Amino acid sequence: MSLINHYKILEIPNYSTYAKVRKAYITKMKLYHPDLNKSPEAEELSKQINVAKEAIEKLNGTMEMESALTQGTKFTIMIPNRLVASK
C-alpha cells in the first residue's frame, strides 16, 4: 500500500463496503468541491478525495478478483453475437 492512507482521507474503516466508500466520497465532495467551497485548499482536497476513492475501488476490485480466482471461481466473458452474412 502507498504511503497515503486512502481510507483515512475518506474517514472510513479499511474494511468498508463499496456503498460506504461511495457515501463517504459523496459526503466529502459536497464539503470540498471547488465549486461549492471557495477556500484555497478545497481544490487540493477534492483531488485527494478523488484519488482515494479510485485507489480503494481499484484495490477492492483486485482483492475480489484474487479471492475468486483462489477459490476456483470460473468467469464467463460475454461476447455479443455478430451477424454474419451468408453467401
Protein backbone atom coordinates (compact mmCIF):
# COMPACT_ATOMS: atom_id res chain seq x y z
CA MET A 1 0.00 0.00 0.00
CA SER A 2 1.18 3.50 -0.69
CA LEU A 3 2.28 5.94 1.99
CA ILE A 4 -1.04 7.75 1.72
CA ASN A 5 -3.82 6.18 3.74
CA HIS A 6 -6.76 6.50 1.37
CA TYR A 7 -9.21 5.22 3.98
CA LYS A 8 -8.12 7.97 6.36
CA ILE A 9 -8.75 10.63 3.71
CA LEU A 10 -12.34 9.41 3.34
CA GLU A 11 -12.57 8.83 7.12
CA ILE A 12 -13.81 5.24 6.80
CA PRO A 13 -12.55 1.92 8.20
CA ASN A 14 -10.35 -0.19 5.93
CA TYR A 15 -12.99 -2.94 5.71
CA SER A 16 -15.67 -0.63 4.27
CA THR A 17 -18.06 -1.84 1.60
CA TYR A 18 -18.46 -0.19 -1.79
CA ALA A 19 -21.62 1.55 -0.54
CA LYS A 20 -19.77 3.06 2.43
CA VAL A 21 -16.91 4.21 0.21
CA ARG A 22 -19.35 5.84 -2.20
CA LYS A 23 -21.29 7.53 0.61
CA ALA A 24 -18.11 8.89 2.20
CA TYR A 25 -16.92 10.12 -1.20
CA ILE A 26 -20.16 11.98 -1.89
CA THR A 27 -20.21 13.50 1.59
CA LYS A 28 -16.60 14.71 1.31
CA MET A 29 -17.09 16.09 -2.19
CA LYS A 30 -20.10 18.10 -1.00
CA LEU A 31 -17.80 19.70 1.56
CA TYR A 32 -14.69 20.24 -0.55
CA HIS A 33 -15.75 20.55 -4.19
CA PRO A 34 -14.12 23.73 -5.55
CA ASP A 35 -17.44 24.98 -6.98
CA LEU A 36 -19.08 24.72 -3.56
CA ASN A 37 -16.16 25.60 -1.29
CA LYS A 38 -14.12 28.70 -2.13
CA SER A 39 -11.32 28.05 0.35
CA PRO A 40 -7.81 27.84 -1.14
CA GLU A 41 -7.24 24.22 -0.10
CA ALA A 42 -10.60 22.92 -1.39
CA GLU A 43 -9.27 22.07 -4.87
CA GLU A 44 -6.32 20.08 -3.49
CA LEU A 45 -8.55 18.24 -1.01
CA SER A 46 -11.06 17.34 -3.73
CA LYS A 47 -8.22 15.89 -5.83
CA GLN A 48 -7.04 13.81 -2.86
CA ILE A 49 -10.60 12.59 -2.26
CA ASN A 50 -10.92 11.52 -5.91
CA VAL A 51 -7.59 9.68 -5.83
CA ALA A 52 -8.53 7.96 -2.57
CA LYS A 53 -11.87 6.75 -3.93
CA GLU A 54 -10.33 5.43 -7.15
CA ALA A 55 -7.50 3.70 -5.29
CA ILE A 56 -9.87 1.99 -2.84
CA GLU A 57 -12.18 0.85 -5.64
CA LYS A 58 -9.24 -0.50 -7.62
CA LEU A 59 -7.81 -2.26 -4.58
CA ASN A 60 -11.18 -3.79 -3.65
CA GLY A 61 -11.75 -4.94 -7.23
CA THR A 62 -8.31 -6.56 -7.35
CA MET A 63 -8.85 -8.26 -4.00
CA GLU A 64 -12.26 -9.62 -5.10
CA MET A 65 -10.77 -10.98 -8.32
CA GLU A 66 -7.86 -12.63 -6.49
CA SER A 67 -10.23 -14.12 -3.93
CA ALA A 68 -12.48 -15.52 -6.63
CA LEU A 69 -9.53 -16.97 -8.55
CA THR A 70 -8.05 -18.66 -5.49
CA GLN A 71 -11.43 -20.20 -4.70
CA GLY A 72 -11.66 -21.66 -8.19
CA THR A 73 -14.50 -19.45 -9.40
CA LYS A 74 -14.92 -19.54 -13.16
CA PHE A 75 -15.59 -16.36 -15.06
CA THR A 76 -17.66 -16.13 -18.21
CA ILE A 77 -16.93 -13.40 -20.68
CA MET A 78 -20.00 -12.40 -22.65
CA ILE A 79 -19.38 -11.51 -26.28
CA PRO A 80 -22.35 -10.20 -28.26
CA ASN A 81 -23.42 -12.32 -31.23
CA ARG A 82 -22.38 -10.95 -34.57
CA LEU A 83 -24.49 -11.25 -37.63
CA VAL A 84 -22.58 -12.89 -40.43
CA ALA A 85 -23.89 -12.61 -43.96
CA SER A 86 -24.18 -15.98 -45.66
CA LYS A 87 -23.33 -16.46 -49.32
